[in-house]
PDB file of all heavy atoms in Angstrom:
ATOM      1  N   PHE A   1    -194.805 -70.593  -2.640  1.00  0.00           N
ATOM      2  CA  PHE A   1    -194.187 -70.532  -1.328  1.00  0.00           C
ATOM      3  C   PHE A   1    -195.199 -70.840  -0.233  1.00  0.00           C
ATOM      4  O   PHE A   1    -196.404 -70.804  -0.476  1.00  0.00           O
ATOM      5  CB  PHE A   1    -193.554 -69.136  -1.141  1.00  0.00           C
ATOM      6  CG  PHE A   1    -192.473 -68.841  -2.095  1.00  0.00           C
ATOM      7  CD1 PHE A   1    -192.742 -68.347  -3.383  1.00  0.00           C
ATOM      8  CD2 PHE A   1    -191.128 -69.091  -1.777  1.00  0.00           C
ATOM      9  CE1 PHE A   1    -191.710 -68.068  -4.282  1.00  0.00           C
ATOM     10  CE2 PHE A   1    -190.106 -68.867  -2.710  1.00  0.00           C
ATOM     11  CZ  PHE A   1    -190.419 -68.349  -3.930  1.00  0.00           C
ATOM     12  N   GLU A   2    -194.718 -71.150   0.930  1.00  0.00           N
ATOM     13  CA  GLU A   2    -195.595 -71.511   2.014  1.00  0.00           C
ATOM     14  C   GLU A   2    -196.546 -70.405   2.395  1.00  0.00           C
ATOM     15  O   GLU A   2    -197.639 -70.644   2.948  1.00  0.00           O
ATOM     16  CB  GLU A   2    -194.793 -71.944   3.248  1.00  0.00           C
ATOM     17  CG  GLU A   2    -194.070 -73.308   3.045  1.00  0.00           C
ATOM     18  CD  GLU A   2    -193.307 -73.744   4.277  1.00  0.00           C
ATOM     19  OE1 GLU A   2    -193.276 -72.986   5.271  1.00  0.00           O
ATOM     20  OE2 GLU A   2    -192.732 -74.848   4.257  1.00  0.00           O
ATOM     21  N   ASN A   3    -196.155 -69.125   2.112  1.00  0.00           N
ATOM     22  CA  ASN A   3    -197.030 -68.006   2.432  1.00  0.00           C
ATOM     23  C   ASN A   3    -198.039 -67.712   1.345  1.00  0.00           C
ATOM     24  O   ASN A   3    -198.789 -66.726   1.419  1.00  0.00           O
ATOM     25  CB  ASN A   3    -196.181 -66.749   2.716  1.00  0.00           C
ATOM     26  CG  ASN A   3    -195.365 -66.306   1.495  1.00  0.00           C
ATOM     27  OD1 ASN A   3    -195.521 -66.849   0.403  1.00  0.00           O
ATOM     28  ND2 ASN A   3    -194.496 -65.331   1.716  1.00  0.00           N
ATOM     29  N   GLY A   4    -198.087 -68.547   0.270  1.00  0.00           N
ATOM     30  CA  GLY A   4    -199.074 -68.438  -0.772  1.00  0.00           C
ATOM     31  C   GLY A   4    -198.626 -67.670  -2.001  1.00  0.00           C
ATOM     32  O   GLY A   4    -199.292 -67.694  -3.049  1.00  0.00           O
ATOM     33  N   ILE A   5    -197.477 -66.948  -1.922  1.00  0.00           N
ATOM     34  CA  ILE A   5    -196.995 -66.236  -3.055  1.00  0.00           C
ATOM     35  C   ILE A   5    -196.522 -67.246  -4.122  1.00  0.00           C
ATOM     36  O   ILE A   5    -195.932 -68.271  -3.780  1.00  0.00           O
ATOM     37  CB  ILE A   5    -195.827 -65.303  -2.642  1.00  0.00           C
ATOM     38  CG1 ILE A   5    -196.349 -64.181  -1.741  1.00  0.00           C
ATOM     39  CG2 ILE A   5    -195.131 -64.695  -3.858  1.00  0.00           C
ATOM     40  CD1 ILE A   5    -195.270 -63.338  -1.097  1.00  0.00           C
ATOM     41  N   SER A   6    -196.754 -66.938  -5.391  1.00  0.00           N
ATOM     42  CA  SER A   6    -196.318 -67.808  -6.445  1.00  0.00           C
ATOM     43  C   SER A   6    -195.253 -67.128  -7.306  1.00  0.00           C
ATOM     44  O   SER A   6    -195.098 -65.889  -7.277  1.00  0.00           O
ATOM     45  CB  SER A   6    -197.478 -68.237  -7.320  1.00  0.00           C
ATOM     46  OG  SER A   6    -198.103 -67.105  -7.936  1.00  0.00           O
ATOM     47  N   ALA A   7    -194.516 -67.876  -8.068  1.00  0.00           N
ATOM     48  CA  ALA A   7    -193.469 -67.365  -8.929  1.00  0.00           C
ATOM     49  C   ALA A   7    -193.277 -68.232 -10.163  1.00  0.00           C
ATOM     50  O   ALA A   7    -193.556 -69.433 -10.123  1.00  0.00           O
ATOM     51  CB  ALA A   7    -192.142 -67.251  -8.148  1.00  0.00           C
ATOM     52  N   SER A   8    -192.819 -67.614 -11.233  1.00  0.00           N
ATOM     53  CA  SER A   8    -192.425 -68.348 -12.433  1.00  0.00           C
ATOM     54  C   SER A   8    -191.034 -67.881 -12.784  1.00  0.00           C
ATOM     55  O   SER A   8    -190.614 -66.753 -12.483  1.00  0.00           O
ATOM     56  CB  SER A   8    -193.362 -68.083 -13.589  1.00  0.00           C
ATOM     57  OG  SER A   8    -193.398 -66.706 -13.922  1.00  0.00           O
ATOM     58  N   ALA A   9    -190.244 -68.773 -13.462  1.00  0.00           N
ATOM     59  CA  ALA A   9    -188.878 -68.451 -13.760  1.00  0.00           C
ATOM     60  C   ALA A   9    -188.434 -69.186 -15.000  1.00  0.00           C
ATOM     61  O   ALA A   9    -188.883 -70.314 -15.284  1.00  0.00           O
ATOM     62  CB  ALA A   9    -187.976 -68.850 -12.588  1.00  0.00           C
ATOM     63  N   SER A  10    -187.532 -68.530 -15.737  1.00  0.00           N
ATOM     64  CA  SER A  10    -186.949 -69.206 -16.905  1.00  0.00           C
ATOM     65  C   SER A  10    -185.457 -68.814 -17.007  1.00  0.00           C
ATOM     66  O   SER A  10    -185.111 -67.662 -16.745  1.00  0.00           O
ATOM     67  CB  SER A  10    -187.671 -68.834 -18.229  1.00  0.00           C
ATOM     68  OG  SER A  10    -187.607 -67.442 -18.452  1.00  0.00           O
ATOM     69  N   TRP A  11    -184.679 -69.778 -17.363  1.00  0.00           N
ATOM     70  CA  TRP A  11    -183.222 -69.581 -17.519  1.00  0.00           C
ATOM     71  C   TRP A  11    -182.834 -70.198 -18.859  1.00  0.00           C
ATOM     72  O   TRP A  11    -183.226 -71.313 -19.189  1.00  0.00           O
ATOM     73  CB  TRP A  11    -182.454 -70.282 -16.431  1.00  0.00           C
ATOM     74  CG  TRP A  11    -182.687 -69.819 -15.038  1.00  0.00           C
ATOM     75  CD1 TRP A  11    -182.001 -68.866 -14.351  1.00  0.00           C
ATOM     76  CD2 TRP A  11    -183.679 -70.296 -14.119  1.00  0.00           C
ATOM     77  NE1 TRP A  11    -182.467 -68.703 -13.069  1.00  0.00           N
ATOM     78  CE2 TRP A  11    -183.522 -69.569 -12.890  1.00  0.00           C
ATOM     79  CE3 TRP A  11    -184.716 -71.230 -14.229  1.00  0.00           C
ATOM     80  CZ2 TRP A  11    -184.337 -69.798 -11.804  1.00  0.00           C
ATOM     81  CZ3 TRP A  11    -185.516 -71.486 -13.125  1.00  0.00           C
ATOM     82  CH2 TRP A  11    -185.330 -70.722 -11.938  1.00  0.00           C
ATOM     83  N   CYS A  12    -182.069 -69.452 -19.642  1.00  0.00           N
ATOM     84  CA  CYS A  12    -181.517 -70.057 -20.886  1.00  0.00           C
ATOM     85  C   CYS A  12    -180.075 -69.554 -21.030  1.00  0.00           C
ATOM     86  O   CYS A  12    -179.796 -68.368 -21.143  1.00  0.00           O
ATOM     87  CB  CYS A  12    -182.331 -69.581 -22.122  1.00  0.00           C
ATOM     88  SG  CYS A  12    -181.722 -70.342 -23.642  1.00  0.00           S
ATOM     89  N   PHE A  13    -179.146 -70.513 -21.048  1.00  0.00           N
ATOM     90  CA  PHE A  13    -177.729 -70.229 -21.153  1.00  0.00           C
ATOM     91  C   PHE A  13    -177.210 -70.675 -22.547  1.00  0.00           C
ATOM     92  O   PHE A  13    -176.010 -70.936 -22.719  1.00  0.00           O
ATOM     93  CB  PHE A  13    -176.949 -70.935 -20.046  1.00  0.00           C
ATOM     94  CG  PHE A  13    -177.394 -70.416 -18.670  1.00  0.00           C
ATOM     95  CD1 PHE A  13    -178.305 -71.149 -17.930  1.00  0.00           C
ATOM     96  CD2 PHE A  13    -176.908 -69.213 -18.164  1.00  0.00           C
ATOM     97  CE1 PHE A  13    -178.748 -70.694 -16.697  1.00  0.00           C
ATOM     98  CE2 PHE A  13    -177.325 -68.777 -16.934  1.00  0.00           C
ATOM     99  CZ  PHE A  13    -178.243 -69.504 -16.197  1.00  0.00           C
ATOM    100  N   ALA A  14    -178.169 -70.708 -23.512  1.00  0.00           N
ATOM    101  CA  ALA A  14    -177.792 -70.952 -24.898  1.00  0.00           C
ATOM    102  C   ALA A  14    -178.624 -70.001 -25.762  1.00  0.00           C
ATOM    103  O   ALA A  14    -179.071 -70.353 -26.821  1.00  0.00           O
ATOM    104  CB  ALA A  14    -178.049 -72.414 -25.281  1.00  0.00           C
ATOM    105  N   ALA A  15    -178.793 -68.792 -25.287  1.00  0.00           N
ATOM    106  CA  ALA A  15    -179.626 -67.783 -25.960  1.00  0.00           C
ATOM    107  C   ALA A  15    -178.791 -66.937 -26.888  1.00  0.00           C
ATOM    108  O   ALA A  15    -177.537 -66.955 -26.860  1.00  0.00           O
ATOM    109  CB  ALA A  15    -180.315 -66.880 -24.902  1.00  0.00           C
ATOM    110  N   GLY A  16    -179.460 -66.135 -27.707  1.00  0.00           N
ATOM    111  CA  GLY A  16    -178.784 -65.245 -28.651  1.00  0.00           C
ATOM    112  C   GLY A  16    -178.520 -63.868 -28.109  1.00  0.00           C
ATOM    113  O   GLY A  16    -177.822 -63.086 -28.733  1.00  0.00           O
ATOM    114  N   ASP A  17    -179.101 -63.568 -26.938  1.00  0.00           N
ATOM    115  CA  ASP A  17    -178.855 -62.258 -26.358  1.00  0.00           C
ATOM    116  C   ASP A  17    -178.885 -62.398 -24.812  1.00  0.00           C
ATOM    117  O   ASP A  17    -178.918 -63.519 -24.288  1.00  0.00           O
ATOM    118  CB  ASP A  17    -179.941 -61.252 -26.793  1.00  0.00           C
ATOM    119  CG  ASP A  17    -181.339 -61.688 -26.369  1.00  0.00           C
ATOM    120  OD1 ASP A  17    -181.480 -62.768 -25.759  1.00  0.00           O
ATOM    121  OD2 ASP A  17    -182.306 -60.922 -26.622  1.00  0.00           O
ATOM    122  N   ARG A  18    -178.859 -61.248 -24.131  1.00  0.00           N
ATOM    123  CA  ARG A  18    -178.796 -61.267 -22.693  1.00  0.00           C
ATOM    124  C   ARG A  18    -180.036 -60.566 -22.085  1.00  0.00           C
ATOM    125  O   ARG A  18    -180.459 -59.549 -22.563  1.00  0.00           O
ATOM    126  CB  ARG A  18    -177.531 -60.538 -22.189  1.00  0.00           C
ATOM    127  CG  ARG A  18    -176.233 -61.249 -22.566  1.00  0.00           C
ATOM    128  CD  ARG A  18    -174.995 -60.504 -22.077  1.00  0.00           C
ATOM    129  NE  ARG A  18    -173.781 -61.192 -22.483  1.00  0.00           N
ATOM    130  CZ  ARG A  18    -173.247 -62.207 -21.745  1.00  0.00           C
ATOM    131  NH1 ARG A  18    -173.799 -62.564 -20.600  1.00  0.00           N
ATOM    132  NH2 ARG A  18    -172.155 -62.804 -22.182  1.00  0.00           N
ATOM    133  N   LEU A  19    -180.543 -61.158 -21.072  1.00  0.00           N
ATOM    134  CA  LEU A  19    -181.672 -60.589 -20.294  1.00  0.00           C
ATOM    135  C   LEU A  19    -181.527 -60.978 -18.873  1.00  0.00           C
ATOM    136  O   LEU A  19    -181.328 -62.197 -18.574  1.00  0.00           O
ATOM    137  CB  LEU A  19    -183.008 -61.050 -20.865  1.00  0.00           C
ATOM    138  CG  LEU A  19    -184.268 -60.559 -20.114  1.00  0.00           C
ATOM    139  CD1 LEU A  19    -184.382 -59.068 -20.223  1.00  0.00           C
ATOM    140  CD2 LEU A  19    -185.500 -61.237 -20.693  1.00  0.00           C
ATOM    141  N   ASP A  20    -181.576 -60.005 -17.966  1.00  0.00           N
ATOM    142  CA  ASP A  20    -181.479 -60.276 -16.526  1.00  0.00           C
ATOM    143  C   ASP A  20    -182.555 -59.420 -15.877  1.00  0.00           C
ATOM    144  O   ASP A  20    -182.381 -58.246 -15.628  1.00  0.00           O
ATOM    145  CB  ASP A  20    -180.075 -59.908 -16.035  1.00  0.00           C
ATOM    146  CG  ASP A  20    -179.906 -60.138 -14.534  1.00  0.00           C
ATOM    147  OD1 ASP A  20    -180.851 -60.517 -13.854  1.00  0.00           O
ATOM    148  OD2 ASP A  20    -178.764 -59.826 -14.019  1.00  0.00           O
ATOM    149  N   ARG A  21    -183.701 -60.026 -15.571  1.00  0.00           N
ATOM    150  CA  ARG A  21    -184.857 -59.256 -15.080  1.00  0.00           C
ATOM    151  C   ARG A  21    -185.644 -60.024 -14.072  1.00  0.00           C
ATOM    152  O   ARG A  21    -185.987 -61.201 -14.335  1.00  0.00           O
ATOM    153  CB  ARG A  21    -185.770 -58.849 -16.262  1.00  0.00           C
ATOM    154  CG  ARG A  21    -186.879 -57.866 -15.894  1.00  0.00           C
ATOM    155  CD  ARG A  21    -187.696 -57.547 -17.152  1.00  0.00           C
ATOM    156  NE  ARG A  21    -188.653 -56.486 -16.930  1.00  0.00           N
ATOM    157  CZ  ARG A  21    -189.857 -56.649 -16.420  1.00  0.00           C
ATOM    158  NH1 ARG A  21    -190.276 -57.859 -16.073  1.00  0.00           N
ATOM    159  NH2 ARG A  21    -190.686 -55.621 -16.231  1.00  0.00           N
ATOM    160  N   CYS A  22    -185.970 -59.418 -12.996  1.00  0.00           N
ATOM    161  CA  CYS A  22    -186.866 -60.003 -11.996  1.00  0.00           C
ATOM    162  C   CYS A  22    -187.895 -58.956 -11.628  1.00  0.00           C
ATOM    163  O   CYS A  22    -187.581 -57.769 -11.473  1.00  0.00           O
ATOM    164  CB  CYS A  22    -186.085 -60.429 -10.772  1.00  0.00           C
ATOM    165  SG  CYS A  22    -187.145 -61.284  -9.519  1.00  0.00           S
ATOM    166  N   GLU A  23    -189.135 -59.378 -11.509  1.00  0.00           N
ATOM    167  CA  GLU A  23    -190.242 -58.485 -11.156  1.00  0.00           C
ATOM    168  C   GLU A  23    -191.054 -59.086 -10.036  1.00  0.00           C
ATOM    169  O   GLU A  23    -191.406 -60.279 -10.084  1.00  0.00           O
ATOM    170  CB  GLU A  23    -191.161 -58.234 -12.378  1.00  0.00           C
ATOM    171  CG  GLU A  23    -192.279 -57.256 -12.118  1.00  0.00           C
ATOM    172  CD  GLU A  23    -193.027 -56.939 -13.379  1.00  0.00           C
ATOM    173  OE1 GLU A  23    -193.142 -57.827 -14.261  1.00  0.00           O
ATOM    174  OE2 GLU A  23    -193.547 -55.810 -13.522  1.00  0.00           O
ATOM    175  N   ILE A  24    -191.284 -58.328  -9.007  1.00  0.00           N
ATOM    176  CA  ILE A  24    -192.150 -58.719  -7.880  1.00  0.00           C
ATOM    177  C   ILE A  24    -193.390 -57.853  -7.930  1.00  0.00           C
ATOM    178  O   ILE A  24    -193.298 -56.595  -7.894  1.00  0.00           O
ATOM    179  CB  ILE A  24    -191.421 -58.566  -6.543  1.00  0.00           C
ATOM    180  CG1 ILE A  24    -190.154 -59.396  -6.521  1.00  0.00           C
ATOM    181  CG2 ILE A  24    -192.341 -58.976  -5.394  1.00  0.00           C
ATOM    182  CD1 ILE A  24    -189.268 -59.139  -5.291  1.00  0.00           C
ATOM    183  N   VAL A  25    -194.530 -58.457  -8.030  1.00  0.00           N
ATOM    184  CA  VAL A  25    -195.805 -57.776  -8.227  1.00  0.00           C
ATOM    185  C   VAL A  25    -196.591 -57.832  -6.911  1.00  0.00           C
ATOM    186  O   VAL A  25    -196.757 -58.904  -6.309  1.00  0.00           O
ATOM    187  CB  VAL A  25    -196.617 -58.379  -9.339  1.00  0.00           C
ATOM    188  CG1 VAL A  25    -197.979 -57.700  -9.485  1.00  0.00           C
ATOM    189  CG2 VAL A  25    -195.851 -58.320 -10.638  1.00  0.00           C
ATOM    190  N   GLY A  26    -197.046 -56.695  -6.435  1.00  0.00           N
ATOM    191  CA  GLY A  26    -197.891 -56.613  -5.270  1.00  0.00           C
ATOM    192  C   GLY A  26    -199.280 -56.057  -5.592  1.00  0.00           C
ATOM    193  O   GLY A  26    -199.512 -55.685  -6.735  1.00  0.00           O
ATOM    194  N   ASP A  27    -200.137 -55.949  -4.621  1.00  0.00           N
ATOM    195  CA  ASP A  27    -201.466 -55.396  -4.867  1.00  0.00           C
ATOM    196  C   ASP A  27    -201.498 -53.890  -4.924  1.00  0.00           C
ATOM    197  O   ASP A  27    -202.568 -53.280  -5.148  1.00  0.00           O
ATOM    198  CB  ASP A  27    -202.514 -55.955  -3.852  1.00  0.00           C
ATOM    199  CG  ASP A  27    -202.203 -55.487  -2.438  1.00  0.00           C
ATOM    200  OD1 ASP A  27    -201.238 -54.727  -2.216  1.00  0.00           O
ATOM    201  OD2 ASP A  27    -202.972 -55.912  -1.527  1.00  0.00           O
ATOM    202  N   ALA A  28    -200.307 -53.257  -4.757  1.00  0.00           N
ATOM    203  CA  ALA A  28    -200.237 -51.782  -4.843  1.00  0.00           C
ATOM    204  C   ALA A  28    -199.036 -51.294  -5.591  1.00  0.00           C
ATOM    205  O   ALA A  28    -198.624 -50.153  -5.477  1.00  0.00           O
ATOM    206  CB  ALA A  28    -200.276 -51.175  -3.448  1.00  0.00           C
ATOM    207  N   GLY A  29    -198.388 -52.200  -6.374  1.00  0.00           N
ATOM    208  CA  GLY A  29    -197.228 -51.779  -7.133  1.00  0.00           C
ATOM    209  C   GLY A  29    -196.330 -52.950  -7.500  1.00  0.00           C
ATOM    210  O   GLY A  29    -196.681 -54.119  -7.317  1.00  0.00           O
ATOM    211  N   ARG A  30    -195.136 -52.646  -7.983  1.00  0.00           N
ATOM    212  CA  ARG A  30    -194.214 -53.688  -8.380  1.00  0.00           C
ATOM    213  C   ARG A  30    -192.780 -53.178  -8.279  1.00  0.00           C
ATOM    214  O   ARG A  30    -192.506 -51.985  -8.331  1.00  0.00           O
ATOM    215  CB  ARG A  30    -194.479 -54.208  -9.786  1.00  0.00           C
ATOM    216  CG  ARG A  30    -194.427 -53.142 -10.862  1.00  0.00           C
ATOM    217  CD  ARG A  30    -195.010 -53.640 -12.176  1.00  0.00           C
ATOM    218  NE  ARG A  30    -195.085 -52.571 -13.167  1.00  0.00           N
ATOM    219  CZ  ARG A  30    -194.180 -52.397 -14.111  1.00  0.00           C
ATOM    220  NH1 ARG A  30    -193.130 -53.193 -14.228  1.00  0.00           N
ATOM    221  NH2 ARG A  30    -194.284 -51.406 -14.991  1.00  0.00           N
ATOM    222  N   ILE A  31    -191.850 -54.131  -8.111  1.00  0.00           N
ATOM    223  CA  ILE A  31    -190.418 -53.833  -8.058  1.00  0.00           C
ATOM    224  C   ILE A  31    -189.741 -54.613  -9.197  1.00  0.00           C
ATOM    225  O   ILE A  31    -189.989 -55.783  -9.364  1.00  0.00           O
ATOM    226  CB  ILE A  31    -189.802 -54.254  -6.716  1.00  0.00           C
ATOM    227  CG1 ILE A  31    -190.484 -53.507  -5.540  1.00  0.00           C
ATOM    228  CG2 ILE A  31    -188.286 -54.038  -6.688  1.00  0.00           C
ATOM    229  CD1 ILE A  31    -190.119 -54.093  -4.197  1.00  0.00           C
ATOM    230  N   VAL A  32    -188.869 -53.927  -9.927  1.00  0.00           N
ATOM    231  CA  VAL A  32    -188.136 -54.574 -11.020  1.00  0.00           C
ATOM    232  C   VAL A  32    -186.645 -54.401 -10.761  1.00  0.00           C
ATOM    233  O   VAL A  32    -186.190 -53.292 -10.444  1.00  0.00           O
ATOM    234  CB  VAL A  32    -188.501 -53.954 -12.397  1.00  0.00           C
ATOM    235  CG1 VAL A  32    -187.728 -54.624 -13.519  1.00  0.00           C
ATOM    236  CG2 VAL A  32    -190.009 -54.083 -12.626  1.00  0.00           C
ATOM    237  N   PHE A  33    -185.879 -55.487 -10.932  1.00  0.00           N
ATOM    238  CA  PHE A  33    -184.430 -55.398 -10.654  1.00  0.00           C
ATOM    239  C   PHE A  33    -183.699 -56.508 -11.426  1.00  0.00           C
ATOM    240  O   PHE A  33    -184.306 -57.442 -11.952  1.00  0.00           O
ATOM    241  CB  PHE A  33    -184.150 -55.535  -9.161  1.00  0.00           C
ATOM    242  CG  PHE A  33    -184.590 -56.862  -8.556  1.00  0.00           C
ATOM    243  CD1 PHE A  33    -183.692 -57.931  -8.424  1.00  0.00           C
ATOM    244  CD2 PHE A  33    -185.896 -57.029  -8.105  1.00  0.00           C
ATOM    245  CE1 PHE A  33    -184.098 -59.103  -7.869  1.00  0.00           C
ATOM    246  CE2 PHE A  33    -186.306 -58.230  -7.520  1.00  0.00           C
ATOM    247  CZ  PHE A  33    -185.409 -59.289  -7.423  1.00  0.00           C
ATOM    248  N   ALA A  34    -182.396 -56.331 -11.514  1.00  0.00           N
ATOM    249  CA  ALA A  34    -181.496 -57.375 -12.084  1.00  0.00           C
ATOM    250  C   ALA A  34    -180.742 -58.060 -10.963  1.00  0.00           C
ATOM    251  O   ALA A  34    -180.520 -57.518  -9.887  1.00  0.00           O
ATOM    252  CB  ALA A  34    -180.509 -56.722 -13.050  1.00  0.00           C
ATOM    253  N   THR A  35    -180.344 -59.279 -11.241  1.00  0.00           N
ATOM    254  CA  THR A  35    -179.594 -60.054 -10.236  1.00  0.00           C
ATOM    255  C   THR A  35    -178.098 -59.935 -10.387  1.00  0.00           C
ATOM    256  O   THR A  35    -177.385 -59.819  -9.377  1.00  0.00           O
ATOM    257  CB  THR A  35    -179.979 -61.575 -10.304  1.00  0.00           C
ATOM    258  OG1 THR A  35    -181.381 -61.695 -10.232  1.00  0.00           O
ATOM    259  CG2 THR A  35    -179.309 -62.362  -9.194  1.00  0.00           C
ATOM    260  N   PHE A  36    -177.612 -59.928 -11.631  1.00  0.00           N
ATOM    261  CA  PHE A  36    -176.170 -60.061 -11.851  1.00  0.00           C
ATOM    262  C   PHE A  36    -175.485 -58.788 -12.383  1.00  0.00           C
ATOM    263  O   PHE A  36    -174.310 -58.764 -12.568  1.00  0.00           O
ATOM    264  CB  PHE A  36    -175.910 -61.227 -12.804  1.00  0.00           C
ATOM    265  CG  PHE A  36    -176.335 -62.518 -12.217  1.00  0.00           C
ATOM    266  CD1 PHE A  36    -177.538 -63.114 -12.559  1.00  0.00           C
ATOM    267  CD2 PHE A  36    -175.532 -63.143 -11.262  1.00  0.00           C
ATOM    268  CE1 PHE A  36    -177.944 -64.306 -12.007  1.00  0.00           C
ATOM    269  CE2 PHE A  36    -175.952 -64.335 -10.698  1.00  0.00           C
ATOM    270  CZ  PHE A  36    -177.110 -64.939 -11.051  1.00  0.00           C
ATOM    271  N   ASP A  37    -176.241 -57.716 -12.592  1.00  0.00           N
ATOM    272  CA  ASP A  37    -175.564 -56.423 -12.791  1.00  0.00           C
ATOM    273  C   ASP A  37    -176.149 -55.448 -11.759  1.00  0.00           C
ATOM    274  O   ASP A  37    -177.090 -55.764 -11.050  1.00  0.00           O
ATOM    275  CB  ASP A  37    -175.719 -55.936 -14.245  1.00  0.00           C
ATOM    276  CG  ASP A  37    -177.176 -55.607 -14.625  1.00  0.00           C
ATOM    277  OD1 ASP A  37    -177.872 -54.922 -13.828  1.00  0.00           O
ATOM    278  OD2 ASP A  37    -177.583 -56.003 -15.721  1.00  0.00           O
ATOM    279  N   ASP A  38    -175.559 -54.261 -11.727  1.00  0.00           N
ATOM    280  CA  ASP A  38    -176.011 -53.319 -10.672  1.00  0.00           C
ATOM    281  C   ASP A  38    -176.850 -52.200 -11.260  1.00  0.00           C
ATOM    282  O   ASP A  38    -176.775 -51.028 -10.811  1.00  0.00           O
ATOM    283  CB  ASP A  38    -174.771 -52.776  -9.892  1.00  0.00           C
ATOM    284  CG  ASP A  38    -173.797 -52.049 -10.769  1.00  0.00           C
ATOM    285  OD1 ASP A  38    -174.003 -52.004 -12.027  1.00  0.00           O
ATOM    286  OD2 ASP A  38    -172.813 -51.535 -10.256  1.00  0.00           O
ATOM    287  N   SER A  39    -177.713 -52.516 -12.245  1.00  0.00           N
ATOM    288  CA  SER A  39    -178.660 -51.519 -12.728  1.00  0.00           C
ATOM    289  C   SER A  39    -179.606 -51.143 -11.617  1.00  0.00           C
ATOM    290  O   SER A  39    -179.804 -51.880 -10.656  1.00  0.00           O
ATOM    291  CB  SER A  39    -179.433 -52.103 -13.927  1.00  0.00           C
ATOM    292  OG  SER A  39    -180.107 -53.289 -13.552  1.00  0.00           O
ATOM    293  N   PRO A  40    -180.197 -49.945 -11.658  1.00  0.00           N
ATOM    294  CA  PRO A  40    -181.028 -49.470 -10.580  1.00  0.00           C
ATOM    295  C   PRO A  40    -182.210 -50.363 -10.268  1.00  0.00           C
ATOM    296  O   PRO A  40    -182.802 -50.996 -11.188  1.00  0.00           O
ATOM    297  CB  PRO A  40    -181.480 -48.074 -11.055  1.00  0.00           C
ATOM    298  CG  PRO A  40    -180.464 -47.664 -12.049  1.00  0.00           C
ATOM    299  CD  PRO A  40    -179.987 -48.915 -12.750  1.00  0.00           C
ATOM    300  N   VAL A  41    -182.586 -50.459  -9.057  1.00  0.00           N
ATOM    301  CA  VAL A  41    -183.831 -51.090  -8.598  1.00  0.00           C
ATOM    302  C   VAL A  41    -184.941 -50.094  -8.912  1.00  0.00           C
ATOM    303  O   VAL A  41    -184.848 -48.920  -8.557  1.00  0.00           O
ATOM    304  CB  VAL A  41    -183.781 -51.425  -7.102  1.00  0.00           C
ATOM    305  CG1 VAL A  41    -185.153 -51.935  -6.623  1.00  0.00           C
ATOM    306  CG2 VAL A  41    -182.672 -52.428  -6.794  1.00  0.00           C
ATOM    307  N   ARG A  42    -185.998 -50.580  -9.562  1.00  0.00           N
ATOM    308  CA  ARG A  42    -187.102 -49.645  -9.929  1.00  0.00           C
ATOM    309  C   ARG A  42    -188.390 -50.057  -9.189  1.00  0.00           C
ATOM    310  O   ARG A  42    -188.776 -51.216  -9.189  1.00  0.00           O
ATOM    311  CB  ARG A  42    -187.328 -49.680 -11.457  1.00  0.00           C
ATOM    312  CG  ARG A  42    -186.095 -49.191 -12.229  1.00  0.00           C
ATOM    313  CD  ARG A  42    -186.351 -48.975 -13.707  1.00  0.00           C
ATOM    314  NE  ARG A  42    -185.147 -48.494 -14.380  1.00  0.00           N
ATOM    315  CZ  ARG A  42    -184.783 -47.210 -14.423  1.00  0.00           C
ATOM    316  NH1 ARG A  42    -185.527 -46.302 -13.798  1.00  0.00           N
ATOM    317  NH2 ARG A  42    -183.687 -46.862 -15.008  1.00  0.00           N
ATOM    318  N   LEU A  43    -188.988 -49.010  -8.618  1.00  0.00           N
ATOM    319  CA  LEU A  43    -190.212 -49.170  -7.890  1.00  0.00           C
ATOM    320  C   LEU A  43    -191.368 -48.435  -8.618  1.00  0.00           C
ATOM    321  O   LEU A  43    -191.225 -47.255  -8.983  1.00  0.00           O
ATOM    322  CB  LEU A  43    -190.084 -48.578  -6.466  1.00  0.00           C
ATOM    323  CG  LEU A  43    -191.331 -48.423  -5.641  1.00  0.00           C
ATOM    324  CD1 LEU A  43    -191.958 -49.798  -5.301  1.00  0.00           C
ATOM    325  CD2 LEU A  43    -191.062 -47.643  -4.381  1.00  0.00           C
ATOM    326  N   PHE A  44    -192.435 -49.134  -8.880  1.00  0.00           N
ATOM    327  CA  PHE A  44    -193.595 -48.553  -9.528  1.00  0.00           C
ATOM    328  C   PHE A  44    -194.805 -48.713  -8.578  1.00  0.00           C
ATOM    329  O   PHE A  44    -195.161 -49.839  -8.191  1.00  0.00           O
ATOM    330  CB  PHE A  44    -193.945 -49.285 -10.844  1.00  0.00           C
ATOM    331  CG  PHE A  44    -192.789 -49.280 -11.831  1.00  0.00           C
ATOM    332  CD1 PHE A  44    -191.785 -50.226 -11.783  1.00  0.00           C
ATOM    333  CD2 PHE A  44    -192.752 -48.319 -12.841  1.00  0.00           C
ATOM    334  CE1 PHE A  44    -190.752 -50.238 -12.703  1.00  0.00           C
ATOM    335  CE2 PHE A  44    -191.710 -48.330 -13.762  1.00  0.00           C
ATOM    336  CZ  PHE A  44    -190.736 -49.276 -13.689  1.00  0.00           C
TER     337      PHE A  44
END
């Protein structure tokens, strides 16, 4: 991104199972969440 943050991503719609996970990593913690279900947002 223009602000210097980087990201990696993978999508597979021919997989054998389901996984919906996004993680944002900071210098003092991280946030983990799903995009398409309403599982809790987790802060570490």
